Amino acid sequence: MRSSIPQTIVNAILFTKMLYVMRIRSVFAILAFILVPLVPVMYLRLFGMNLVHGLAGALVANIVMVGLNIISDLVYYRKTLKLQDMFVASPLSPVSYVLGFAFSSLLVILPGLLVLIGLIYVVHGIRFGVLLLLCALILTWIMSIALAYMIATRVENPIHIGTASTVTSILLVILPPVYYPLQLIPHPYRLVALIAPTTYPAHLIRSILLGAEDDPSIYW
């Protein structure tokens, strides 16, 4: 029997609350979402790069960390605790299950996002394009959650979670132009950088804050 839309929303809210309570038990996890993305920013500042470039990359990295964190949770609940089997057998719909993980992760990273946005406001100011900035962050969050589900459904052994998360973070945050401008990459090699989905939101956020040097519509 299919759940009605109101019931699906209610179940998603209740599931979000349950997951959020489980996540915030670790203060260190919340601190990690604030501090870890800021570490590369300090190194960029030492090399004299515009701090806004690093903070824009930190915003994207913060949201990508959510997806990496969800990968471990999804695999752990499915393979170790067998909670996913219980949820499948319960009235909780697949939509409520997905939304619960997505929104609980969003609540966890909100303190980190607010800190980063506050730093951008202090360092550079956010005069225009606030709605565009929020749209870019929301689309990045949706991309991160979708990517996390895709990877989690293909990881069968919980031992491989750490390796999958490390490789994913390197391919999505470290190597692509997330913390540094796309313009630093020579033109013939930019097509390689555009393979990474995180290149687009990072470039969009810089365009919103610093002004677009090219047509940003393709990055949307």
C-alpha atoms as a PDB file:
ATOM      1  CA  MET A   1       0.000   0.000   0.000  1.00  0.00           C
ATOM      2  CA  ARG A   2       1.483   3.304  -1.073  1.00  0.00           C
ATOM      3  CA  SER A   3       1.905   6.075   1.492  1.00  0.00           C
ATOM      4  CA  SER A   4       0.170   9.381   0.898  1.00  0.00           C
ATOM      5  CA  ILE A   5       2.272  12.478   0.333  1.00  0.00           C
ATOM      6  CA  PRO A   6       1.487  13.980   3.789  1.00  0.00           C
ATOM      7  CA  GLN A   7       2.376  10.685   5.477  1.00  0.00           C
ATOM      8  CA  THR A   8       5.586  10.448   3.462  1.00  0.00           C
ATOM      9  CA  ILE A   9       6.560  13.951   4.599  1.00  0.00           C
ATOM     10  CA  VAL A  10       5.723  13.188   8.240  1.00  0.00           C
ATOM     11  CA  ASN A  11       7.750   9.974   8.140  1.00  0.00           C
ATOM     12  CA  ALA A  12      10.661  11.817   6.525  1.00  0.00           C
ATOM     13  CA  ILE A  13      10.583  14.455   9.299  1.00  0.00           C
ATOM     14  CA  LEU A  14      10.494  11.819  12.046  1.00  0.00           C
ATOM     15  CA  PHE A  15      13.297   9.834  10.404  1.00  0.00           C
ATOM     16  CA  THR A  16      15.308  13.040  10.003  1.00  0.00           C
ATOM     17  CA  LYS A  17      14.891  13.778  13.714  1.00  0.00           C
ATOM     18  CA  MET A  18      16.030  10.274  14.669  1.00  0.00           C
ATOM     19  CA  LEU A  19      19.121  10.397  12.469  1.00  0.00           C
ATOM     20  CA  TYR A  20      19.968  13.927  13.572  1.00  0.00           C
ATOM     21  CA  VAL A  21      19.873  12.941  17.255  1.00  0.00           C
ATOM     22  CA  MET A  22      22.209  10.057  16.455  1.00  0.00           C
ATOM     23  CA  ARG A  23      24.615  12.315  14.546  1.00  0.00           C
ATOM     24  CA  ILE A  24      24.927  15.215  16.986  1.00  0.00           C
ATOM     25  CA  ARG A  25      26.030  12.943  19.831  1.00  0.00           C
ATOM     26  CA  SER A  26      29.570  13.484  18.579  1.00  0.00           C
ATOM     27  CA  VAL A  27      30.678  17.098  19.005  1.00  0.00           C
ATOM     28  CA  PHE A  28      33.888  16.268  17.153  1.00  0.00           C
ATOM     29  CA  ALA A  29      31.887  15.378  14.034  1.00  0.00           C
ATOM     30  CA  ILE A  30      30.321  18.845  13.960  1.00  0.00           C
ATOM     31  CA  LEU A  31      33.716  20.482  14.591  1.00  0.00           C
ATOM     32  CA  ALA A  32      35.155  18.471  11.697  1.00  0.00           C
ATOM     33  CA  PHE A  33      32.648  20.012   9.274  1.00  0.00           C
ATOM     34  CA  ILE A  34      33.815  23.462  10.417  1.00  0.00           C
ATOM     35  CA  LEU A  35      37.584  22.987  10.727  1.00  0.00           C
ATOM     36  CA  VAL A  36      38.583  20.469   8.051  1.00  0.00           C
ATOM     37  CA  PRO A  37      37.463  22.567   5.018  1.00  0.00           C
ATOM     38  CA  LEU A  38      39.332  25.577   6.465  1.00  0.00           C
ATOM     39  CA  VAL A  39      42.741  23.857   6.597  1.00  0.00           C
ATOM     40  CA  PRO A  40      43.569  24.299   2.872  1.00  0.00           C
ATOM     41  CA  VAL A  41      42.407  27.930   3.092  1.00  0.00           C
ATOM     42  CA  MET A  42      45.221  28.686   5.532  1.00  0.00           C
ATOM     43  CA  TYR A  43      47.806  27.239   3.158  1.00  0.00           C
ATOM     44  CA  LEU A  44      46.388  29.227   0.243  1.00  0.00           C
ATOM     45  CA  ARG A  45      46.679  32.381   2.309  1.00  0.00           C
ATOM     46  CA  LEU A  46      50.351  31.626   2.958  1.00  0.00           C
ATOM     47  CA  PHE A  47      50.928  31.577  -0.824  1.00  0.00           C
ATOM     48  CA  GLY A  48      49.223  34.944  -1.209  1.00  0.00           C
ATOM     49  CA  MET A  49      46.098  33.714  -3.004  1.00  0.00           C
ATOM     50  CA  ASN A  50      42.828  35.593  -2.651  1.00  0.00           C
ATOM     51  CA  LEU A  51      41.138  34.262   0.462  1.00  0.00           C
ATOM     52  CA  VAL A  52      37.740  34.280  -1.250  1.00  0.00           C
ATOM     53  CA  HIS A  53      38.892  31.519  -3.613  1.00  0.00           C
ATOM     54  CA  GLY A  54      39.747  29.300  -0.656  1.00  0.00           C
ATOM     55  CA  LEU A  55      36.542  30.077   1.245  1.00  0.00           C
ATOM     56  CA  ALA A  56      34.449  29.339  -1.851  1.00  0.00           C
ATOM     57  CA  GLY A  57      36.206  25.991  -2.132  1.00  0.00           C
ATOM     58  CA  ALA A  58      35.655  25.378   1.583  1.00  0.00           C
ATOM     59  CA  LEU A  59      31.898  25.811   1.074  1.00  0.00           C
ATOM     60  CA  VAL A  60      31.884  23.157  -1.634  1.00  0.00           C
ATOM     61  CA  ALA A  61      34.200  20.866   0.361  1.00  0.00           C
ATOM     62  CA  ASN A  62      31.946  21.175   3.409  1.00  0.00           C
ATOM     63  CA  ILE A  63      28.949  19.938   1.447  1.00  0.00           C
ATOM     64  CA  VAL A  64      30.929  17.160  -0.254  1.00  0.00           C
ATOM     65  CA  MET A  65      32.018  15.956   3.188  1.00  0.00           C
ATOM     66  CA  VAL A  66      28.340  15.330   3.923  1.00  0.00           C
ATOM     67  CA  GLY A  67      28.124  12.873   1.060  1.00  0.00           C
ATOM     68  CA  LEU A  68      31.289  11.108   2.185  1.00  0.00           C
ATOM     69  CA  ASN A  69      29.891  10.868   5.708  1.00  0.00           C
ATOM     70  CA  ILE A  70      26.589   9.469   4.478  1.00  0.00           C
ATOM     71  CA  ILE A  71      28.376   6.744   2.519  1.00  0.00           C
ATOM     72  CA  SER A  72      29.733   5.240   5.735  1.00  0.00           C
ATOM     73  CA  ASP A  73      26.358   5.547   7.481  1.00  0.00           C
ATOM     74  CA  LEU A  74      24.423   3.918   4.638  1.00  0.00           C
ATOM     75  CA  VAL A  75      26.807   0.986   4.353  1.00  0.00           C
ATOM     76  CA  TYR A  76      27.044   0.596   8.142  1.00  0.00           C
ATOM     77  CA  TYR A  77      23.262   0.551   8.584  1.00  0.00           C
ATOM     78  CA  ARG A  78      22.784  -1.799   5.629  1.00  0.00           C
ATOM     79  CA  LYS A  79      25.602  -4.281   6.178  1.00  0.00           C
ATOM     80  CA  THR A  80      26.525  -4.192   9.854  1.00  0.00           C
ATOM     81  CA  LEU A  81      23.436  -3.192  11.829  1.00  0.00           C
ATOM     82  CA  LYS A  82      20.947  -4.539   9.239  1.00  0.00           C
ATOM     83  CA  LEU A  83      18.766  -1.509   9.942  1.00  0.00           C
ATOM     84  CA  GLN A  84      17.928  -1.000   6.287  1.00  0.00           C
ATOM     85  CA  ASP A  85      16.146  -4.375   6.238  1.00  0.00           C
ATOM     86  CA  MET A  86      14.068  -3.220   9.200  1.00  0.00           C
ATOM     87  CA  PHE A  87      13.237   0.053   7.492  1.00  0.00           C
ATOM     88  CA  VAL A  88      12.248  -1.750   4.293  1.00  0.00           C
ATOM     89  CA  ALA A  89       9.876  -3.956   6.279  1.00  0.00           C
ATOM     90  CA  SER A  90       8.383  -0.932   8.077  1.00  0.00           C
ATOM     91  CA  PRO A  91       5.855   1.586   6.713  1.00  0.00           C
ATOM     92  CA  LEU A  92       8.758   3.961   5.985  1.00  0.00           C
ATOM     93  CA  SER A  93       8.752   4.603   2.240  1.00  0.00           C
ATOM     94  CA  PRO A  94      11.937   4.762   0.142  1.00  0.00           C
ATOM     95  CA  VAL A  95      11.319   8.488  -0.406  1.00  0.00           C
ATOM     96  CA  SER A  96      11.109   9.112   3.342  1.00  0.00           C
ATOM     97  CA  TYR A  97      14.265   7.050   3.835  1.00  0.00           C
ATOM     98  CA  VAL A  98      16.223   9.099   1.302  1.00  0.00           C
ATOM     99  CA  LEU A  99      14.873  12.440   2.543  1.00  0.00           C
ATOM    100  CA  GLY A 100      15.643  11.538   6.142  1.00  0.00           C
ATOM    101  CA  PHE A 101      19.324  10.966   5.402  1.00  0.00           C
ATOM    102  CA  ALA A 102      19.494  14.046   3.186  1.00  0.00           C
ATOM    103  CA  PHE A 103      17.915  16.509   5.621  1.00  0.00           C
ATOM    104  CA  SER A 104      19.653  15.143   8.717  1.00  0.00           C
ATOM    105  CA  SER A 105      22.982  15.650   6.960  1.00  0.00           C
ATOM    106  CA  LEU A 106      21.970  19.194   6.034  1.00  0.00           C
ATOM    107  CA  LEU A 107      21.210  20.012   9.669  1.00  0.00           C
ATOM    108  CA  VAL A 108      24.611  18.705  10.730  1.00  0.00           C
ATOM    109  CA  ILE A 109      26.569  20.887   8.293  1.00  0.00           C
ATOM    110  CA  LEU A 110      24.545  24.062   8.894  1.00  0.00           C
ATOM    111  CA  PRO A 111      26.919  25.348  11.640  1.00  0.00           C
ATOM    112  CA  GLY A 112      29.901  24.881   9.320  1.00  0.00           C
ATOM    113  CA  LEU A 113      28.126  26.588   6.416  1.00  0.00           C
ATOM    114  CA  LEU A 114      27.125  29.531   8.589  1.00  0.00           C
ATOM    115  CA  VAL A 115      30.710  29.941   9.813  1.00  0.00           C
ATOM    116  CA  LEU A 116      32.076  29.889   6.249  1.00  0.00           C
ATOM    117  CA  ILE A 117      29.436  32.288   4.929  1.00  0.00           C
ATOM    118  CA  GLY A 118      30.162  34.568   7.890  1.00  0.00           C
ATOM    119  CA  LEU A 119      33.875  34.528   7.062  1.00  0.00           C
ATOM    120  CA  ILE A 120      33.128  35.368   3.427  1.00  0.00           C
ATOM    121  CA  TYR A 121      30.962  38.272   4.569  1.00  0.00           C
ATOM    122  CA  VAL A 122      33.712  39.589   6.860  1.00  0.00           C
ATOM    123  CA  VAL A 123      36.526  39.139   4.318  1.00  0.00           C
ATOM    124  CA  HIS A 124      34.755  40.160   1.123  1.00  0.00           C
ATOM    125  CA  GLY A 125      31.112  40.942   1.780  1.00  0.00           C
ATOM    126  CA  ILE A 126      28.067  39.457   0.061  1.00  0.00           C
ATOM    127  CA  ARG A 127      26.369  42.381  -1.633  1.00  0.00           C
ATOM    128  CA  PHE A 128      24.526  40.733  -4.481  1.00  0.00           C
ATOM    129  CA  GLY A 129      23.665  37.260  -5.617  1.00  0.00           C
ATOM    130  CA  VAL A 130      22.623  35.815  -2.253  1.00  0.00           C
ATOM    131  CA  LEU A 131      19.835  33.788  -3.880  1.00  0.00           C
ATOM    132  CA  LEU A 132      22.204  32.556  -6.579  1.00  0.00           C
ATOM    133  CA  LEU A 133      24.698  31.535  -3.900  1.00  0.00           C
ATOM    134  CA  LEU A 134      22.005  29.581  -2.043  1.00  0.00           C
ATOM    135  CA  CYS A 135      20.895  27.901  -5.287  1.00  0.00           C
ATOM    136  CA  ALA A 136      24.478  26.828  -6.021  1.00  0.00           C
ATOM    137  CA  LEU A 137      24.855  25.393  -2.498  1.00  0.00           C
ATOM    138  CA  ILE A 138      21.520  23.539  -2.683  1.00  0.00           C
ATOM    139  CA  LEU A 139      22.372  21.995  -6.055  1.00  0.00           C
ATOM    140  CA  THR A 140      25.769  20.951  -4.696  1.00  0.00           C
ATOM    141  CA  TRP A 141      24.060  19.351  -1.693  1.00  0.00           C
ATOM    142  CA  ILE A 142      21.683  17.405  -3.951  1.00  0.00           C
ATOM    143  CA  MET A 143      24.616  16.269  -6.091  1.00  0.00           C
ATOM    144  CA  SER A 144      26.563  15.181  -3.011  1.00  0.00           C
ATOM    145  CA  ILE A 145      23.641  13.174  -1.602  1.00  0.00           C
ATOM    146  CA  ALA A 146      22.920  11.501  -4.952  1.00  0.00           C
ATOM    147  CA  LEU A 147      26.583  10.584  -5.398  1.00  0.00           C
ATOM    148  CA  ALA A 148      26.696   9.183  -1.859  1.00  0.00           C
ATOM    149  CA  TYR A 149      23.733   6.880  -2.532  1.00  0.00           C
ATOM    150  CA  MET A 150      25.229   5.727  -5.829  1.00  0.00           C
ATOM    151  CA  ILE A 151      28.553   4.819  -4.179  1.00  0.00           C
ATOM    152  CA  ALA A 152      26.965   3.314  -1.040  1.00  0.00           C
ATOM    153  CA  THR A 153      24.827   0.891  -3.062  1.00  0.00           C
ATOM    154  CA  ARG A 154      27.985  -0.423  -4.750  1.00  0.00           C
ATOM    155  CA  VAL A 155      30.131  -0.877  -1.633  1.00  0.00           C
ATOM    156  CA  GLU A 156      29.453  -4.384  -0.338  1.00  0.00           C
ATOM    157  CA  ASN A 157      32.237  -4.656   2.226  1.00  0.00           C
ATOM    158  CA  PRO A 158      32.244  -2.085   5.089  1.00  0.00           C
ATOM    159  CA  ILE A 159      36.050  -2.385   5.197  1.00  0.00           C
ATOM    160  CA  HIS A 160      36.202  -0.570   1.856  1.00  0.00           C
ATOM    161  CA  ILE A 161      34.310   2.495   3.121  1.00  0.00           C
ATOM    162  CA  GLY A 162      37.447   4.359   4.192  1.00  0.00           C
ATOM    163  CA  THR A 163      39.182   3.729   0.875  1.00  0.00           C
ATOM    164  CA  ALA A 164      36.123   4.764  -1.137  1.00  0.00           C
ATOM    165  CA  SER A 165      35.735   7.980   0.870  1.00  0.00           C
ATOM    166  CA  THR A 166      39.420   8.875   0.546  1.00  0.00           C
ATOM    167  CA  VAL A 167      39.526   8.306  -3.210  1.00  0.00           C
ATOM    168  CA  THR A 168      36.264  10.206  -3.674  1.00  0.00           C
ATOM    169  CA  SER A 169      37.535  13.196  -1.675  1.00  0.00           C
ATOM    170  CA  ILE A 170      40.737  13.317  -3.738  1.00  0.00           C
ATOM    171  CA  LEU A 171      38.824  13.165  -7.029  1.00  0.00           C
ATOM    172  CA  LEU A 172      36.168  15.687  -5.995  1.00  0.00           C
ATOM    173  CA  VAL A 173      37.958  18.174  -3.730  1.00  0.00           C
ATOM    174  CA  ILE A 174      41.762  17.962  -3.870  1.00  0.00           C
ATOM    175  CA  LEU A 175      42.551  17.598  -7.575  1.00  0.00           C
ATOM    176  CA  PRO A 176      39.785  19.664  -9.276  1.00  0.00           C
ATOM    177  CA  PRO A 177      39.747  23.488  -9.152  1.00  0.00           C
ATOM    178  CA  VAL A 178      37.704  23.684  -5.968  1.00  0.00           C
ATOM    179  CA  TYR A 179      40.098  25.608  -3.732  1.00  0.00           C
ATOM    180  CA  TYR A 180      41.803  27.368  -6.631  1.00  0.00           C
ATOM    181  CA  PRO A 181      40.406  29.174  -9.709  1.00  0.00           C
ATOM    182  CA  LEU A 182      39.641  27.295 -12.900  1.00  0.00           C
ATOM    183  CA  GLN A 183      41.603  29.943 -14.804  1.00  0.00           C
ATOM    184  CA  LEU A 184      44.877  28.626 -13.347  1.00  0.00           C
ATOM    185  CA  ILE A 185      44.519  25.477 -15.452  1.00  0.00           C
ATOM    186  CA  PRO A 186      45.823  25.841 -19.036  1.00  0.00           C
ATOM    187  CA  HIS A 187      42.980  25.942 -21.529  1.00  0.00           C
ATOM    188  CA  PRO A 188      43.673  22.561 -23.232  1.00  0.00           C
ATOM    189  CA  TYR A 189      43.470  20.787 -19.863  1.00  0.00           C
ATOM    190  CA  ARG A 190      40.323  22.470 -18.571  1.00  0.00           C
ATOM    191  CA  LEU A 191      38.150  19.807 -20.176  1.00  0.00           C
ATOM    192  CA  VAL A 192      39.710  17.271 -17.815  1.00  0.00           C
ATOM    193  CA  ALA A 193      38.877  19.481 -14.825  1.00  0.00           C
ATOM    194  CA  LEU A 194      35.274  19.773 -16.014  1.00  0.00           C
ATOM    195  CA  ILE A 195      34.799  16.029 -15.526  1.00  0.00           C
ATOM    196  CA  ALA A 196      34.619  16.602 -11.765  1.00  0.00           C
ATOM    197  CA  PRO A 197      31.106  17.741 -10.771  1.00  0.00           C
ATOM    198  CA  THR A 198      32.530  19.917  -7.983  1.00  0.00           C
ATOM    199  CA  THR A 199      34.283  22.169 -10.498  1.00  0.00           C
ATOM    200  CA  TYR A 200      30.985  23.770 -11.473  1.00  0.00           C
ATOM    201  CA  PRO A 201      29.653  24.946  -8.080  1.00  0.00           C
ATOM    202  CA  ALA A 202      33.110  26.180  -7.023  1.00  0.00           C
ATOM    203  CA  HIS A 203      33.407  28.251 -10.210  1.00  0.00           C
ATOM    204  CA  LEU A 204      29.840  29.522  -9.844  1.00  0.00           C
ATOM    205  CA  ILE A 205      30.389  30.653  -6.253  1.00  0.00           C
ATOM    206  CA  ARG A 206      33.546  32.526  -7.274  1.00  0.00           C
ATOM    207  CA  SER A 207      31.675  34.114 -10.179  1.00  0.00           C
ATOM    208  CA  ILE A 208      28.915  35.238  -7.807  1.00  0.00           C
ATOM    209  CA  LEU A 209      31.346  36.693  -5.270  1.00  0.00           C
ATOM    210  CA  LEU A 210      34.077  38.085  -7.517  1.00  0.00           C
ATOM    211  CA  GLY A 211      32.294  38.635 -10.806  1.00  0.00           C
ATOM    212  CA  ALA A 212      32.170  36.305 -13.799  1.00  0.00           C
ATOM    213  CA  GLU A 213      35.134  36.308 -16.170  1.00  0.00           C
ATOM    214  CA  ASP A 214      33.221  34.143 -18.634  1.00  0.00           C
ATOM    215  CA  ASP A 215      29.630  33.105 -19.293  1.00  0.00           C
ATOM    216  CA  PRO A 216      28.485  31.285 -16.117  1.00  0.00           C
ATOM    217  CA  SER A 217      25.357  29.809 -17.725  1.00  0.00           C
ATOM    218  CA  ILE A 218      27.187  26.659 -18.861  1.00  0.00           C
ATOM    219  CA  TYR A 219      28.247  25.969 -15.271  1.00  0.00           C
ATOM    220  CA  TRP A 220      24.656  26.108 -14.085  1.00  0.00           C
END
